[in-house]
Amino acid sequence: MPRAKRGFKRRRRHNKVLKKASGFVFGLKNKFKRTSEAVDRAMIYAYRDRRAKKRDFRGLFITRINAAAVANDISYSRLIAAFKKAQINLDRKVLADIAIADPKGFSALVSQVKSLAPAQ
C-alpha cells in the first residue's frame, strides 16, 4: 500500500494561508510555519482593531465638535446637553460632519439650542 502524504489537501491548505500573507516580508510570506504564525497574529490584530476603530473615530468626532463648539462660545458638554434637552437627535458623526463641511449650518444649530444650555 502506498504511503499517503496528503499532497493535494496539504497544498490547498497551505496555499490558503500563503495567499493571506501576500505583502508580508522575508520568510513570513513563503515559509509555511512562520507564515501561519504571522497570519494568525494578523487576524487577531484585525479583529481587535475593527472594534478599536469605532472608539478612535468617536474620539475624533468629539474633538471636531468641541473645536467647532468653542468657536461658537460654548463648551462641548453644554452643547451636547442642550441638544439632548432640545430633543435634537443627531449623532456625533453627523454633528462632526456638519461642523467641518458647513460651519454656518453648525453655528445656526448652536444658536438654536444655546438658550437651553445649562448655566455656567
N, C-alpha and C. Protein backbone atom coordinates (compact mmCIF):
# COMPACT_ATOMS: atom_id res chain seq x y z
N MET A 1 0.84 -1.18 0.00
CA MET A 1 0.00 0.00 0.00
C MET A 1 0.89 1.25 0.00
N PRO A 2 0.64 2.18 -0.89
CA PRO A 2 1.50 3.37 -0.97
C PRO A 2 1.28 4.31 0.22
N ARG A 3 2.34 5.04 0.52
CA ARG A 3 2.30 5.98 1.63
C ARG A 3 1.58 7.26 1.19
N ALA A 4 0.59 7.68 1.95
CA ALA A 4 -0.15 8.89 1.62
C ALA A 4 0.44 10.07 2.38
N LYS A 5 0.88 11.10 1.66
CA LYS A 5 1.48 12.26 2.31
C LYS A 5 0.57 13.49 2.24
N ARG A 6 -0.68 13.28 1.88
CA ARG A 6 -1.68 14.36 1.81
C ARG A 6 -1.27 15.49 0.87
N GLY A 7 -0.65 15.16 -0.22
CA GLY A 7 -0.11 16.17 -1.12
C GLY A 7 -1.12 17.21 -1.55
N PHE A 8 -2.24 16.78 -2.08
CA PHE A 8 -3.24 17.70 -2.63
C PHE A 8 -3.90 18.52 -1.53
N LYS A 9 -4.36 17.87 -0.47
CA LYS A 9 -5.06 18.55 0.62
C LYS A 9 -4.13 19.53 1.34
N ARG A 10 -2.91 19.07 1.57
CA ARG A 10 -1.97 19.93 2.28
C ARG A 10 -1.62 21.16 1.44
N ARG A 11 -1.39 20.94 0.15
CA ARG A 11 -1.05 22.06 -0.73
C ARG A 11 -2.18 23.08 -0.74
N ARG A 12 -3.42 22.60 -0.79
CA ARG A 12 -4.57 23.51 -0.82
C ARG A 12 -4.67 24.30 0.48
N ARG A 13 -4.45 23.64 1.61
CA ARG A 13 -4.50 24.31 2.91
C ARG A 13 -3.36 25.33 3.04
N HIS A 14 -2.15 24.94 2.62
CA HIS A 14 -1.01 25.85 2.67
C HIS A 14 -1.25 27.06 1.79
N ASN A 15 -1.74 26.84 0.59
CA ASN A 15 -1.95 27.95 -0.34
C ASN A 15 -2.97 28.95 0.21
N LYS A 16 -3.97 28.46 0.93
CA LYS A 16 -4.97 29.34 1.53
C LYS A 16 -4.31 30.29 2.53
N VAL A 17 -3.39 29.75 3.34
CA VAL A 17 -2.70 30.57 4.33
C VAL A 17 -1.69 31.50 3.64
N LEU A 18 -0.96 30.96 2.66
CA LEU A 18 0.05 31.77 1.97
C LEU A 18 -0.59 32.94 1.21
N LYS A 19 -1.78 32.73 0.70
CA LYS A 19 -2.47 33.79 -0.02
C LYS A 19 -2.80 34.96 0.92
N LYS A 20 -3.14 34.65 2.18
CA LYS A 20 -3.44 35.71 3.15
C LYS A 20 -2.19 36.49 3.52
N ALA A 21 -0.99 35.89 3.28
CA ALA A 21 0.26 36.53 3.67
C ALA A 21 0.90 37.31 2.53
N SER A 22 0.17 37.55 1.46
CA SER A 22 0.78 38.32 0.38
C SER A 22 1.05 39.73 0.88
N GLY A 23 2.22 40.25 0.62
CA GLY A 23 2.60 41.56 1.11
C GLY A 23 3.45 41.48 2.36
N PHE A 24 3.52 40.32 3.00
CA PHE A 24 4.40 40.16 4.15
C PHE A 24 5.83 40.12 3.61
N VAL A 25 6.81 40.35 4.48
CA VAL A 25 8.19 40.43 4.01
C VAL A 25 9.02 39.26 4.54
N PHE A 26 10.14 39.03 3.86
CA PHE A 26 11.10 38.00 4.22
C PHE A 26 10.45 36.61 4.29
N GLY A 27 10.78 35.82 5.30
CA GLY A 27 10.27 34.46 5.37
C GLY A 27 8.81 34.39 5.76
N LEU A 28 8.24 35.51 6.18
CA LEU A 28 6.85 35.50 6.61
C LEU A 28 5.88 35.27 5.47
N LYS A 29 6.35 35.39 4.23
CA LYS A 29 5.43 35.20 3.12
C LYS A 29 5.56 33.86 2.42
N ASN A 30 6.64 33.10 2.71
CA ASN A 30 6.80 31.87 1.94
C ASN A 30 7.25 30.65 2.75
N LYS A 31 7.51 30.81 4.03
CA LYS A 31 7.84 29.65 4.87
C LYS A 31 6.59 29.33 5.68
N PHE A 32 5.98 28.19 5.43
CA PHE A 32 4.62 27.96 5.91
C PHE A 32 4.47 28.11 7.41
N LYS A 33 5.38 27.59 8.19
CA LYS A 33 5.22 27.65 9.65
C LYS A 33 5.22 29.09 10.13
N ARG A 34 6.21 29.87 9.68
CA ARG A 34 6.28 31.28 10.08
C ARG A 34 5.11 32.06 9.50
N THR A 35 4.72 31.73 8.28
CA THR A 35 3.57 32.40 7.66
C THR A 35 2.31 32.15 8.44
N SER A 36 2.12 30.91 8.85
CA SER A 36 0.92 30.54 9.60
C SER A 36 0.84 31.32 10.90
N GLU A 37 1.97 31.44 11.61
CA GLU A 37 2.00 32.20 12.86
C GLU A 37 1.71 33.67 12.61
N ALA A 38 2.32 34.22 11.55
CA ALA A 38 2.13 35.65 11.25
C ALA A 38 0.70 35.95 10.84
N VAL A 39 0.10 35.06 10.07
CA VAL A 39 -1.29 35.25 9.63
C VAL A 39 -2.24 35.16 10.82
N ASP A 40 -2.00 34.20 11.71
CA ASP A 40 -2.84 34.08 12.91
C ASP A 40 -2.77 35.36 13.74
N ARG A 41 -1.57 35.87 13.93
CA ARG A 41 -1.39 37.10 14.70
C ARG A 41 -2.08 38.27 14.01
N ALA A 42 -1.92 38.35 12.69
CA ALA A 42 -2.54 39.44 11.93
C ALA A 42 -4.06 39.39 12.03
N MET A 43 -4.62 38.19 12.01
CA MET A 43 -6.08 38.05 12.12
C MET A 43 -6.56 38.51 13.50
N ILE A 44 -5.79 38.22 14.54
CA ILE A 44 -6.14 38.66 15.89
C ILE A 44 -6.12 40.18 15.96
N TYR A 45 -5.08 40.80 15.41
CA TYR A 45 -4.99 42.26 15.42
C TYR A 45 -6.14 42.87 14.61
N ALA A 46 -6.47 42.26 13.48
CA ALA A 46 -7.54 42.80 12.64
C ALA A 46 -8.87 42.76 13.37
N TYR A 47 -9.14 41.66 14.07
CA TYR A 47 -10.39 41.53 14.83
C TYR A 47 -10.44 42.59 15.92
N ARG A 48 -9.35 42.72 16.67
CA ARG A 48 -9.30 43.69 17.77
C ARG A 48 -9.46 45.12 17.24
N ASP A 49 -8.77 45.43 16.16
CA ASP A 49 -8.74 46.81 15.68
C ASP A 49 -10.00 47.22 14.94
N ARG A 50 -10.79 46.25 14.47
CA ARG A 50 -12.10 46.62 13.91
C ARG A 50 -12.97 47.23 15.00
N ARG A 51 -12.80 46.76 16.23
CA ARG A 51 -13.56 47.32 17.35
C ARG A 51 -12.93 48.62 17.86
N ALA A 52 -11.60 48.67 17.89
CA ALA A 52 -10.90 49.87 18.36
C ALA A 52 -11.14 51.05 17.42
N LYS A 53 -11.31 50.75 16.14
CA LYS A 53 -11.54 51.80 15.15
C LYS A 53 -12.78 52.62 15.49
N LYS A 54 -13.82 51.96 15.98
CA LYS A 54 -15.06 52.65 16.34
C LYS A 54 -14.80 53.62 17.49
N ARG A 55 -14.00 53.19 18.48
CA ARG A 55 -13.66 54.07 19.60
C ARG A 55 -12.82 55.25 19.13
N ASP A 56 -11.84 54.98 18.25
CA ASP A 56 -10.95 56.03 17.77
C ASP A 56 -11.73 57.10 17.01
N PHE A 57 -12.65 56.66 16.17
CA PHE A 57 -13.42 57.64 15.38
C PHE A 57 -14.36 58.44 16.26
N ARG A 58 -14.94 57.81 17.29
CA ARG A 58 -15.79 58.57 18.20
C ARG A 58 -14.99 59.68 18.87
N GLY A 59 -13.76 59.38 19.28
CA GLY A 59 -12.89 60.41 19.86
C GLY A 59 -12.60 61.53 18.88
N LEU A 60 -12.38 61.18 17.62
CA LEU A 60 -12.14 62.19 16.59
C LEU A 60 -13.37 63.07 16.40
N PHE A 61 -14.56 62.46 16.37
CA PHE A 61 -15.80 63.23 16.20
C PHE A 61 -15.96 64.21 17.36
N ILE A 62 -15.70 63.75 18.57
CA ILE A 62 -15.85 64.60 19.75
C ILE A 62 -14.87 65.77 19.69
N THR A 63 -13.65 65.51 19.26
CA THR A 63 -12.65 66.58 19.14
C THR A 63 -13.09 67.63 18.13
N ARG A 64 -13.62 67.18 17.00
CA ARG A 64 -14.08 68.13 15.98
C ARG A 64 -15.27 68.95 16.46
N ILE A 65 -16.22 68.29 17.12
CA ILE A 65 -17.39 69.01 17.62
C ILE A 65 -16.95 70.03 18.67
N ASN A 66 -16.04 69.63 19.56
CA ASN A 66 -15.55 70.52 20.60
C ASN A 66 -14.90 71.75 20.00
N ALA A 67 -14.07 71.57 18.97
CA ALA A 67 -13.40 72.70 18.33
C ALA A 67 -14.42 73.67 17.74
N ALA A 68 -15.44 73.13 17.09
CA ALA A 68 -16.47 73.97 16.49
C ALA A 68 -17.33 74.63 17.57
N ALA A 69 -17.58 73.92 18.67
CA ALA A 69 -18.39 74.47 19.76
C ALA A 69 -17.66 75.63 20.43
N VAL A 70 -16.37 75.46 20.69
CA VAL A 70 -15.58 76.52 21.32
C VAL A 70 -15.54 77.76 20.42
N ALA A 71 -15.49 77.54 19.11
CA ALA A 71 -15.53 78.67 18.18
C ALA A 71 -16.86 79.41 18.25
N ASN A 72 -17.91 78.72 18.74
CA ASN A 72 -19.23 79.34 18.90
C ASN A 72 -19.53 79.69 20.37
N ASP A 73 -18.48 79.80 21.18
CA ASP A 73 -18.58 80.24 22.58
C ASP A 73 -19.45 79.34 23.45
N ILE A 74 -19.29 78.05 23.31
CA ILE A 74 -19.99 77.10 24.17
C ILE A 74 -19.09 75.88 24.32
N SER A 75 -19.15 75.22 25.47
CA SER A 75 -18.32 74.03 25.66
C SER A 75 -19.02 72.82 25.04
N TYR A 76 -18.24 71.79 24.81
CA TYR A 76 -18.77 70.57 24.20
C TYR A 76 -19.86 69.96 25.08
N SER A 77 -19.59 69.84 26.37
CA SER A 77 -20.55 69.17 27.25
C SER A 77 -21.86 69.94 27.33
N ARG A 78 -21.78 71.27 27.39
CA ARG A 78 -23.01 72.08 27.43
C ARG A 78 -23.78 71.98 26.11
N LEU A 79 -23.03 71.91 25.01
CA LEU A 79 -23.67 71.80 23.70
C LEU A 79 -24.44 70.48 23.59
N ILE A 80 -23.81 69.38 23.98
CA ILE A 80 -24.46 68.07 23.90
C ILE A 80 -25.68 68.03 24.83
N ALA A 81 -25.54 68.61 26.03
CA ALA A 81 -26.67 68.66 26.97
C ALA A 81 -27.83 69.47 26.36
N ALA A 82 -27.50 70.56 25.68
CA ALA A 82 -28.53 71.40 25.05
C ALA A 82 -29.22 70.64 23.91
N PHE A 83 -28.44 69.90 23.13
CA PHE A 83 -29.04 69.10 22.04
C PHE A 83 -30.00 68.06 22.61
N LYS A 84 -29.61 67.43 23.71
CA LYS A 84 -30.49 66.43 24.33
C LYS A 84 -31.77 67.07 24.86
N LYS A 85 -31.62 68.25 25.49
CA LYS A 85 -32.77 68.95 26.05
C LYS A 85 -33.73 69.41 24.95
N ALA A 86 -33.16 69.83 23.81
CA ALA A 86 -33.98 70.28 22.68
C ALA A 86 -34.51 69.10 21.86
N GLN A 87 -34.12 67.88 22.25
CA GLN A 87 -34.51 66.65 21.56
C GLN A 87 -34.10 66.65 20.09
N ILE A 88 -32.90 67.18 19.86
CA ILE A 88 -32.29 67.11 18.53
C ILE A 88 -31.39 65.89 18.55
N ASN A 89 -31.78 64.85 17.87
CA ASN A 89 -31.09 63.56 17.94
C ASN A 89 -30.14 63.37 16.76
N LEU A 90 -29.08 64.17 16.75
CA LEU A 90 -28.03 64.00 15.76
C LEU A 90 -26.86 63.31 16.46
N ASP A 91 -26.36 62.23 15.85
CA ASP A 91 -25.23 61.56 16.48
C ASP A 91 -23.94 62.34 16.25
N ARG A 92 -22.90 61.95 16.94
CA ARG A 92 -21.65 62.71 16.91
C ARG A 92 -21.00 62.68 15.53
N LYS A 93 -21.19 61.61 14.80
CA LYS A 93 -20.62 61.52 13.45
C LYS A 93 -21.23 62.59 12.56
N VAL A 94 -22.54 62.73 12.60
CA VAL A 94 -23.24 63.71 11.77
C VAL A 94 -22.89 65.13 12.22
N LEU A 95 -22.87 65.36 13.54
CA LEU A 95 -22.52 66.69 14.05
C LEU A 95 -21.11 67.09 13.62
N ALA A 96 -20.17 66.16 13.70
CA ALA A 96 -18.79 66.45 13.29
C ALA A 96 -18.73 66.75 11.81
N ASP A 97 -19.50 66.03 11.01
CA ASP A 97 -19.52 66.27 9.57
C ASP A 97 -20.09 67.65 9.27
N ILE A 98 -21.15 68.03 9.97
CA ILE A 98 -21.74 69.36 9.77
C ILE A 98 -20.74 70.43 10.20
N ALA A 99 -20.06 70.22 11.32
CA ALA A 99 -19.10 71.19 11.83
C ALA A 99 -17.97 71.43 10.84
N ILE A 100 -17.54 70.38 10.15
CA ILE A 100 -16.44 70.51 9.19
C ILE A 100 -16.93 71.04 7.84
N ALA A 101 -18.00 70.45 7.32
CA ALA A 101 -18.45 70.76 5.95
C ALA A 101 -19.27 72.04 5.88
N ASP A 102 -20.03 72.36 6.95
CA ASP A 102 -20.93 73.51 6.89
C ASP A 102 -20.88 74.28 8.22
N PRO A 103 -19.83 75.08 8.42
CA PRO A 103 -19.70 75.79 9.70
C PRO A 103 -20.86 76.75 9.98
N LYS A 104 -21.42 77.37 8.95
CA LYS A 104 -22.55 78.28 9.15
C LYS A 104 -23.78 77.51 9.63
N GLY A 105 -24.00 76.35 9.06
CA GLY A 105 -25.12 75.49 9.49
C GLY A 105 -24.93 75.04 10.94
N PHE A 106 -23.69 74.70 11.29
CA PHE A 106 -23.40 74.30 12.67
C PHE A 106 -23.66 75.47 13.62
N SER A 107 -23.24 76.67 13.21
CA SER A 107 -23.49 77.86 14.04
C SER A 107 -24.97 78.10 14.22
N ALA A 108 -25.76 77.85 13.17
CA ALA A 108 -27.21 78.02 13.27
C ALA A 108 -27.80 77.01 14.27
N LEU A 109 -27.31 75.78 14.23
CA LEU A 109 -27.77 74.76 15.19
C LEU A 109 -27.41 75.18 16.61
N VAL A 110 -26.19 75.68 16.79
CA VAL A 110 -25.74 76.07 18.12
C VAL A 110 -26.59 77.23 18.64
N SER A 111 -26.83 78.23 17.80
CA SER A 111 -27.62 79.38 18.25
C SER A 111 -29.06 78.96 18.57
N GLN A 112 -29.56 77.94 17.90
CA GLN A 112 -30.92 77.44 18.15
C GLN A 112 -31.02 76.81 19.53
N VAL A 113 -29.99 76.14 20.00
CA VAL A 113 -30.08 75.42 21.28
C VAL A 113 -29.31 76.11 22.41
N LYS A 114 -28.62 77.19 22.11
CA LYS A 114 -27.76 77.84 23.12
C LYS A 114 -28.56 78.28 24.35
N SER A 115 -29.79 78.71 24.16
CA SER A 115 -30.60 79.15 25.29
C SER A 115 -30.97 77.99 26.22
N LEU A 116 -30.93 76.77 25.71
CA LEU A 116 -31.26 75.60 26.51
C LEU A 116 -30.06 75.03 27.25
N ALA A 117 -28.87 75.56 26.94
CA ALA A 117 -27.65 75.04 27.57
C ALA A 117 -27.66 75.32 29.07
N PRO A 118 -27.11 74.39 29.86
CA PRO A 118 -27.05 74.61 31.31
C PRO A 118 -26.22 75.85 31.64
N ALA A 119 -26.54 76.49 32.74
CA ALA A 119 -25.83 77.70 33.16
C ALA A 119 -24.38 77.37 33.51
N GLN A 120 -23.53 78.36 33.34
CA GLN A 120 -22.10 78.15 33.61
C GLN A 120 -21.85 78.21 35.05
